[in-house]
Amino acid sequence: MTIVSSTVIEDSPQIDGRRWITEAHTDHLGIVHRRGPYMAEAEQDVEAGLAANAALIEAQLQEAEIEANFAEFTNGADF
């Protein structure tokens, strides 16, 4: 699984400088994986976080795919 697109879909500033952030990460199948909303600190680099979260989601999707394939294999699936 590969994340092909990541974007911030909500960036709502708060009175104290923090921001509510919601992200959308689209994989190669067109499935959108949302993250958030979460509170970002005033000085937090949201774009760097967006890239880090995309890598994290991609790793989680790969791990889930491996686990599903392994479960299928151990249950006697025909390959």
PDB file of N, CA and C in Angstrom:
ATOM      1  N   MET A   1       0.841  -1.176   0.000  1.00  0.00           N
ATOM      2  CA  MET A   1       0.000   0.000   0.000  1.00  0.00           C
ATOM      3  C   MET A   1       0.888   1.241   0.000  1.00  0.00           C
ATOM      4  N   THR A   2       0.527   2.172  -0.807  1.00  0.00           N
ATOM      5  CA  THR A   2       1.288   3.406  -0.912  1.00  0.00           C
ATOM      6  C   THR A   2       0.370   4.607  -0.754  1.00  0.00           C
ATOM      7  N   ILE A   3       0.784   5.563   0.053  1.00  0.00           N
ATOM      8  CA  ILE A   3       0.056   6.819   0.171  1.00  0.00           C
ATOM      9  C   ILE A   3       0.514   7.693  -0.998  1.00  0.00           C
ATOM     10  N   VAL A   4      -0.433   8.134  -1.813  1.00  0.00           N
ATOM     11  CA  VAL A   4      -0.092   8.916  -2.996  1.00  0.00           C
ATOM     12  C   VAL A   4      -0.418  10.399  -2.836  1.00  0.00           C
ATOM     13  N   SER A   5      -1.221  10.727  -1.830  1.00  0.00           N
ATOM     14  CA  SER A   5      -1.605  12.121  -1.636  1.00  0.00           C
ATOM     15  C   SER A   5      -1.925  12.350  -0.165  1.00  0.00           C
ATOM     16  N   SER A   6      -1.440  13.469   0.361  1.00  0.00           N
ATOM     17  CA  SER A   6      -1.732  13.858   1.739  1.00  0.00           C
ATOM     18  C   SER A   6      -2.048  15.342   1.765  1.00  0.00           C
ATOM     19  N   THR A   7      -3.095  15.683   2.505  1.00  0.00           N
ATOM     20  CA  THR A   7      -3.472  17.090   2.594  1.00  0.00           C
ATOM     21  C   THR A   7      -4.094  17.389   3.944  1.00  0.00           C
ATOM     22  N   VAL A   8      -3.934  18.625   4.382  1.00  0.00           N
ATOM     23  CA  VAL A   8      -4.606  19.099   5.583  1.00  0.00           C
ATOM     24  C   VAL A   8      -5.981  19.587   5.137  1.00  0.00           C
ATOM     25  N   ILE A   9      -7.042  19.000   5.693  1.00  0.00           N
ATOM     26  CA  ILE A   9      -8.389  19.395   5.290  1.00  0.00           C
ATOM     27  C   ILE A   9      -9.046  20.315   6.318  1.00  0.00           C
ATOM     28  N   GLU A  10      -8.438  20.426   7.495  1.00  0.00           N
ATOM     29  CA  GLU A  10      -8.906  21.393   8.494  1.00  0.00           C
ATOM     30  C   GLU A  10      -7.701  21.934   9.227  1.00  0.00           C
ATOM     31  N   ASP A  11      -7.633  23.236   9.364  1.00  0.00           N
ATOM     32  CA  ASP A  11      -6.593  23.910  10.129  1.00  0.00           C
ATOM     33  C   ASP A  11      -7.269  25.093  10.800  1.00  0.00           C
ATOM     34  N   SER A  12      -7.818  24.829  11.981  1.00  0.00           N
ATOM     35  CA  SER A  12      -8.631  25.836  12.680  1.00  0.00           C
ATOM     36  C   SER A  12      -7.850  26.440  13.840  1.00  0.00           C
ATOM     37  N   PRO A  13      -7.425  27.690  13.686  1.00  0.00           N
ATOM     38  CA  PRO A  13      -6.662  28.339  14.748  1.00  0.00           C
ATOM     39  C   PRO A  13      -7.525  28.610  15.986  1.00  0.00           C
ATOM     40  N   GLN A  14      -6.882  28.505  17.147  1.00  0.00           N
ATOM     41  CA  GLN A  14      -7.530  28.784  18.424  1.00  0.00           C
ATOM     42  C   GLN A  14      -6.964  30.091  18.976  1.00  0.00           C
ATOM     43  N   ILE A  15      -7.637  30.636  19.943  1.00  0.00           N
ATOM     44  CA  ILE A  15      -7.247  31.939  20.485  1.00  0.00           C
ATOM     45  C   ILE A  15      -5.843  31.922  21.089  1.00  0.00           C
ATOM     46  N   ASP A  16      -5.400  30.752  21.585  1.00  0.00           N
ATOM     47  CA  ASP A  16      -4.076  30.653  22.208  1.00  0.00           C
ATOM     48  C   ASP A  16      -2.971  30.282  21.220  1.00  0.00           C
ATOM     49  N   GLY A  17      -3.290  30.235  19.915  1.00  0.00           N
ATOM     50  CA  GLY A  17      -2.289  29.952  18.891  1.00  0.00           C
ATOM     51  C   GLY A  17      -2.252  28.492  18.455  1.00  0.00           C
ATOM     52  N   ARG A  18      -2.796  27.605  19.273  1.00  0.00           N
ATOM     53  CA  ARG A  18      -2.854  26.208  18.849  1.00  0.00           C
ATOM     54  C   ARG A  18      -3.871  26.071  17.720  1.00  0.00           C
ATOM     55  N   ARG A  19      -3.843  24.898  17.043  1.00  0.00           N
ATOM     56  CA  ARG A  19      -4.735  24.698  15.893  1.00  0.00           C
ATOM     57  C   ARG A  19      -5.296  23.291  15.903  1.00  0.00           C
ATOM     58  N   TRP A  20      -6.584  23.184  15.554  1.00  0.00           N
ATOM     59  CA  TRP A  20      -7.186  21.875  15.324  1.00  0.00           C
ATOM     60  C   TRP A  20      -6.862  21.471  13.894  1.00  0.00           C
ATOM     61  N   ILE A  21      -6.264  20.276  13.739  1.00  0.00           N
ATOM     62  CA  ILE A  21      -5.824  19.788  12.436  1.00  0.00           C
ATOM     63  C   ILE A  21      -6.542  18.483  12.113  1.00  0.00           C
ATOM     64  N   THR A  22      -7.011  18.369  10.880  1.00  0.00           N
ATOM     65  CA  THR A  22      -7.511  17.106  10.353  1.00  0.00           C
ATOM     66  C   THR A  22      -6.819  16.872   9.017  1.00  0.00           C
ATOM     67  N   GLU A  23      -6.331  15.649   8.826  1.00  0.00           N
ATOM     68  CA  GLU A  23      -5.601  15.293   7.616  1.00  0.00           C
ATOM     69  C   GLU A  23      -6.355  14.233   6.823  1.00  0.00           C
ATOM     70  N   ALA A  24      -6.124  14.218   5.520  1.00  0.00           N
ATOM     71  CA  ALA A  24      -6.639  13.167   4.642  1.00  0.00           C
ATOM     72  C   ALA A  24      -5.459  12.608   3.849  1.00  0.00           C
ATOM     73  N   HIS A  25      -5.285  11.301   3.919  1.00  0.00           N
ATOM     74  CA  HIS A  25      -4.206  10.603   3.215  1.00  0.00           C
ATOM     75  C   HIS A  25      -4.855   9.593   2.276  1.00  0.00           C
ATOM     76  N   THR A  26      -4.571   9.693   0.989  1.00  0.00           N
ATOM     77  CA  THR A  26      -5.183   8.818  -0.016  1.00  0.00           C
ATOM     78  C   THR A  26      -4.169   7.782  -0.475  1.00  0.00           C
ATOM     79  N   ASP A  27      -4.611   6.504  -0.453  1.00  0.00           N
ATOM     80  CA  ASP A  27      -3.706   5.443  -0.889  1.00  0.00           C
ATOM     81  C   ASP A  27      -3.857   5.196  -2.390  1.00  0.00           C
ATOM     82  N   HIS A  28      -3.077   4.259  -2.917  1.00  0.00           N
ATOM     83  CA  HIS A  28      -3.043   3.997  -4.362  1.00  0.00           C
ATOM     84  C   HIS A  28      -4.354   3.424  -4.890  1.00  0.00           C
ATOM     85  N   LEU A  29      -5.231   2.978  -4.006  1.00  0.00           N
ATOM     86  CA  LEU A  29      -6.535   2.477  -4.424  1.00  0.00           C
ATOM     87  C   LEU A  29      -7.617   3.557  -4.366  1.00  0.00           C
ATOM     88  N   GLY A  30      -7.236   4.745  -3.926  1.00  0.00           N
ATOM     89  CA  GLY A  30      -8.189   5.845  -3.817  1.00  0.00           C
ATOM     90  C   GLY A  30      -8.915   5.892  -2.482  1.00  0.00           C
ATOM     91  N   ILE A  31      -8.519   5.041  -1.550  1.00  0.00           N
ATOM     92  CA  ILE A  31      -9.138   5.031  -0.220  1.00  0.00           C
ATOM     93  C   ILE A  31      -8.518   6.146   0.616  1.00  0.00           C
ATOM     94  N   VAL A  32      -9.378   6.942   1.238  1.00  0.00           N
ATOM     95  CA  VAL A  32      -8.921   8.069   2.055  1.00  0.00           C
ATOM     96  C   VAL A  32      -8.845   7.631   3.514  1.00  0.00           C
ATOM     97  N   HIS A  33      -7.702   7.875   4.114  1.00  0.00           N
ATOM     98  CA  HIS A  33      -7.460   7.567   5.523  1.00  0.00           C
ATOM     99  C   HIS A  33      -7.331   8.898   6.253  1.00  0.00           C
ATOM    100  N   ARG A  34      -8.294   9.166   7.142  1.00  0.00           N
ATOM    101  CA  ARG A  34      -8.288  10.438   7.870  1.00  0.00           C
ATOM    102  C   ARG A  34      -7.526  10.299   9.175  1.00  0.00           C
ATOM    103  N   ARG A  35      -6.877  11.374   9.565  1.00  0.00           N
ATOM    104  CA  ARG A  35      -6.229  11.459  10.874  1.00  0.00           C
ATOM    105  C   ARG A  35      -6.688  12.750  11.510  1.00  0.00           C
ATOM    106  N   GLY A  36      -7.205  12.635  12.701  1.00  0.00           N
ATOM    107  CA  GLY A  36      -7.639  13.815  13.432  1.00  0.00           C
ATOM    108  C   GLY A  36      -9.138  13.830  13.612  1.00  0.00           C
ATOM    109  N   PRO A  37      -9.622  14.885  14.157  1.00  0.00           N
ATOM    110  CA  PRO A  37      -8.857  16.092  14.477  1.00  0.00           C
ATOM    111  C   PRO A  37      -7.935  15.893  15.678  1.00  0.00           C
ATOM    112  N   TYR A  38      -6.827  16.607  15.635  1.00  0.00           N
ATOM    113  CA  TYR A  38      -5.903  16.634  16.759  1.00  0.00           C
ATOM    114  C   TYR A  38      -5.456  18.071  16.962  1.00  0.00           C
ATOM    115  N   MET A  39      -5.004  18.365  18.177  1.00  0.00           N
ATOM    116  CA  MET A  39      -4.575  19.716  18.516  1.00  0.00           C
ATOM    117  C   MET A  39      -3.081  19.842  18.263  1.00  0.00           C
ATOM    118  N   ALA A  40      -2.709  20.788  17.404  1.00  0.00           N
ATOM    119  CA  ALA A  40      -1.299  21.074  17.117  1.00  0.00           C
ATOM    120  C   ALA A  40      -0.874  22.285  17.942  1.00  0.00           C
ATOM    121  N   GLU A  41       0.318  22.226  18.458  1.00  0.00           N
ATOM    122  CA  GLU A  41       0.857  23.366  19.201  1.00  0.00           C
ATOM    123  C   GLU A  41       1.075  24.546  18.258  1.00  0.00           C
ATOM    124  N   ALA A  42       1.127  25.735  18.796  1.00  0.00           N
ATOM    125  CA  ALA A  42       1.239  26.959  17.990  1.00  0.00           C
ATOM    126  C   ALA A  42       2.457  26.926  17.078  1.00  0.00           C
ATOM    127  N   GLU A  43       3.582  26.414  17.566  1.00  0.00           N
ATOM    128  CA  GLU A  43       4.824  26.422  16.790  1.00  0.00           C
ATOM    129  C   GLU A  43       5.041  25.136  15.994  1.00  0.00           C
ATOM    130  N   GLN A  44       4.104  24.215  16.061  1.00  0.00           N
ATOM    131  CA  GLN A  44       4.262  22.921  15.384  1.00  0.00           C
ATOM    132  C   GLN A  44       4.222  23.082  13.864  1.00  0.00           C
ATOM    133  N   ASP A  45       5.153  22.420  13.182  1.00  0.00           N
ATOM    134  CA  ASP A  45       5.201  22.416  11.717  1.00  0.00           C
ATOM    135  C   ASP A  45       4.235  21.350  11.217  1.00  0.00           C
ATOM    136  N   VAL A  46       3.051  21.769  10.823  1.00  0.00           N
ATOM    137  CA  VAL A  46       1.994  20.845  10.422  1.00  0.00           C
ATOM    138  C   VAL A  46       2.371  20.095   9.150  1.00  0.00           C
ATOM    139  N   GLU A  47       3.061  20.730   8.235  1.00  0.00           N
ATOM    140  CA  GLU A  47       3.462  20.064   6.983  1.00  0.00           C
ATOM    141  C   GLU A  47       4.437  18.925   7.252  1.00  0.00           C
ATOM    142  N   ALA A  48       5.367  19.123   8.178  1.00  0.00           N
ATOM    143  CA  ALA A  48       6.294  18.047   8.544  1.00  0.00           C
ATOM    144  C   ALA A  48       5.527  16.913   9.212  1.00  0.00           C
ATOM    145  N   GLY A  49       4.564  17.267  10.039  1.00  0.00           N
ATOM    146  CA  GLY A  49       3.725  16.256  10.678  1.00  0.00           C
ATOM    147  C   GLY A  49       2.900  15.491   9.666  1.00  0.00           C
ATOM    148  N   LEU A  50       2.437  16.178   8.643  1.00  0.00           N
ATOM    149  CA  LEU A  50       1.653  15.550   7.581  1.00  0.00           C
ATOM    150  C   LEU A  50       2.475  14.463   6.894  1.00  0.00           C
ATOM    151  N   ALA A  51       3.718  14.770   6.575  1.00  0.00           N
ATOM    152  CA  ALA A  51       4.603  13.787   5.928  1.00  0.00           C
ATOM    153  C   ALA A  51       4.901  12.619   6.859  1.00  0.00           C
ATOM    154  N   ALA A  52       5.142  12.905   8.120  1.00  0.00           N
ATOM    155  CA  ALA A  52       5.425  11.843   9.090  1.00  0.00           C
ATOM    156  C   ALA A  52       4.205  10.938   9.273  1.00  0.00           C
ATOM    157  N   ASN A  53       3.027  11.542   9.325  1.00  0.00           N
ATOM    158  CA  ASN A  53       1.811  10.754   9.490  1.00  0.00           C
ATOM    159  C   ASN A  53       1.524   9.907   8.256  1.00  0.00           C
ATOM    160  N   ALA A  54       1.833  10.421   7.078  1.00  0.00           N
ATOM    161  CA  ALA A  54       1.659   9.641   5.850  1.00  0.00           C
ATOM    162  C   ALA A  54       2.538   8.398   5.890  1.00  0.00           C
ATOM    163  N   ALA A  55       3.781   8.559   6.324  1.00  0.00           N
ATOM    164  CA  ALA A  55       4.698   7.413   6.432  1.00  0.00           C
ATOM    165  C   ALA A  55       4.195   6.417   7.465  1.00  0.00           C
ATOM    166  N   LEU A  56       3.655   6.913   8.573  1.00  0.00           N
ATOM    167  CA  LEU A  56       3.124   6.042   9.619  1.00  0.00           C
ATOM    168  C   LEU A  56       1.914   5.255   9.116  1.00  0.00           C
ATOM    169  N   ILE A  57       0.998   5.935   8.446  1.00  0.00           N
ATOM    170  CA  ILE A  57      -0.188   5.260   7.906  1.00  0.00           C
ATOM    171  C   ILE A  57       0.216   4.220   6.878  1.00  0.00           C
ATOM    172  N   GLU A  58       1.170   4.556   6.010  1.00  0.00           N
ATOM    173  CA  GLU A  58       1.645   3.607   5.007  1.00  0.00           C
ATOM    174  C   GLU A  58       2.227   2.361   5.672  1.00  0.00           C
ATOM    175  N   ALA A  59       3.011   2.542   6.715  1.00  0.00           N
ATOM    176  CA  ALA A  59       3.590   1.400   7.434  1.00  0.00           C
ATOM    177  C   ALA A  59       2.497   0.554   8.080  1.00  0.00           C
ATOM    178  N   GLN A  60       1.478   1.208   8.645  1.00  0.00           N
ATOM    179  CA  GLN A  60       0.377   0.468   9.260  1.00  0.00           C
ATOM    180  C   GLN A  60      -0.406  -0.327   8.208  1.00  0.00           C
ATOM    181  N   LEU A  61      -0.623   0.256   7.055  1.00  0.00           N
ATOM    182  CA  LEU A  61      -1.328  -0.450   5.985  1.00  0.00           C
ATOM    183  C   LEU A  61      -0.530  -1.648   5.492  1.00  0.00           C
ATOM    184  N   GLN A  62       0.777  -1.475   5.358  1.00  0.00           N
ATOM    185  CA  GLN A  62       1.633  -2.586   4.930  1.00  0.00           C
ATOM    186  C   GLN A  62       1.610  -3.716   5.962  1.00  0.00           C
ATOM    187  N   GLU A  63       1.687  -3.359   7.233  1.00  0.00           N
ATOM    188  CA  GLU A  63       1.656  -4.363   8.292  1.00  0.00           C
ATOM    189  C   GLU A  63       0.324  -5.107   8.297  1.00  0.00           C
ATOM    190  N   ALA A  64      -0.775  -4.389   8.112  1.00  0.00           N
ATOM    191  CA  ALA A  64      -2.097  -5.018   8.073  1.00  0.00           C
ATOM    192  C   ALA A  64      -2.212  -5.970   6.884  1.00  0.00           C
ATOM    193  N   GLU A  65      -1.637  -5.582   5.756  1.00  0.00           N
ATOM    194  CA  GLU A  65      -1.670  -6.442   4.574  1.00  0.00           C
ATOM    195  C   GLU A  65      -0.857  -7.713   4.806  1.00  0.00           C
ATOM    196  N   ILE A  66       0.298  -7.583   5.420  1.00  0.00           N
ATOM    197  CA  ILE A  66       1.130  -8.739   5.732  1.00  0.00           C
ATOM    198  C   ILE A  66       0.392  -9.671   6.693  1.00  0.00           C
ATOM    199  N   GLU A  67      -0.215  -9.109   7.723  1.00  0.00           N
ATOM    200  CA  GLU A  67      -0.949  -9.922   8.694  1.00  0.00           C
ATOM    201  C   GLU A  67      -2.123 -10.646   8.030  1.00  0.00           C
ATOM    202  N   ALA A  68      -2.836  -9.955   7.146  1.00  0.00           N
ATOM    203  CA  ALA A  68      -3.966 -10.584   6.450  1.00  0.00           C
ATOM    204  C   ALA A  68      -3.488 -11.720   5.558  1.00  0.00           C
ATOM    205  N   ASN A  69      -2.390 -11.507   4.849  1.00  0.00           N
ATOM    206  CA  ASN A  69      -1.838 -12.556   3.983  1.00  0.00           C
ATOM    207  C   ASN A  69      -1.364 -13.749   4.806  1.00  0.00           C
ATOM    208  N   PHE A  70      -0.732 -13.478   5.924  1.00  0.00           N
ATOM    209  CA  PHE A  70      -0.256 -14.555   6.793  1.00  0.00           C
ATOM    210  C   PHE A  70      -1.436 -15.345   7.354  1.00  0.00           C
ATOM    211  N   ALA A  71      -2.475 -14.655   7.785  1.00  0.00           N
ATOM    212  CA  ALA A  71      -3.660 -15.333   8.320  1.00  0.00           C
ATOM    213  C   ALA A  71      -4.303 -16.198   7.245  1.00  0.00           C
ATOM    214  N   GLU A  72      -4.354 -15.696   6.041  1.00  0.00           N
ATOM    215  CA  GLU A  72      -4.915 -16.453   4.927  1.00  0.00           C
ATOM    216  C   GLU A  72      -4.071 -17.706   4.658  1.00  0.00           C
ATOM    217  N   PHE A  73      -2.765 -17.525   4.694  1.00  0.00           N
ATOM    218  CA  PHE A  73      -1.850 -18.646   4.456  1.00  0.00           C
ATOM    219  C   PHE A  73      -1.974 -19.699   5.543  1.00  0.00           C
ATOM    220  N   THR A  74      -2.008 -19.275   6.803  1.00  0.00           N
ATOM    221  CA  THR A  74      -2.057 -20.238   7.916  1.00  0.00           C
ATOM    222  C   THR A  74      -3.418 -20.917   8.018  1.00  0.00           C
ATOM    223  N   ASN A  75      -4.433 -20.333   7.403  1.00  0.00           N
ATOM    224  CA  ASN A  75      -5.756 -20.958   7.400  1.00  0.00           C
ATOM    225  C   ASN A  75      -5.950 -21.875   6.199  1.00  0.00           C
ATOM    226  N   GLY A  76      -4.886 -22.138   5.452  1.00  0.00           N
ATOM    227  CA  GLY A  76      -4.923 -23.096   4.370  1.00  0.00           C
ATOM    228  C   GLY A  76      -5.438 -22.546   3.044  1.00  0.00           C
ATOM    229  N   ALA A  77      -5.331 -21.272   2.851  1.00  0.00           N
ATOM    230  CA  ALA A  77      -5.771 -20.690   1.569  1.00  0.00           C
ATOM    231  C   ALA A  77      -4.886 -21.201   0.441  1.00  0.00           C
ATOM    232  N   ASP A  78      -5.485 -21.334  -0.720  1.00  0.00           N
ATOM    233  CA  ASP A  78      -4.772 -21.769  -1.911  1.00  0.00           C
ATOM    234  C   ASP A  78      -4.146 -20.568  -2.602  1.00  0.00           C
ATOM    235  N   PHE A  79      -2.832 -20.610  -2.850  1.00  0.00           N
ATOM    236  CA  PHE A  79      -2.169 -19.499  -3.540  1.00  0.00           C
ATOM    237  C   PHE A  79      -1.807 -19.892  -4.929  1.00  0.00           C
TER     238      PHE A  79
END
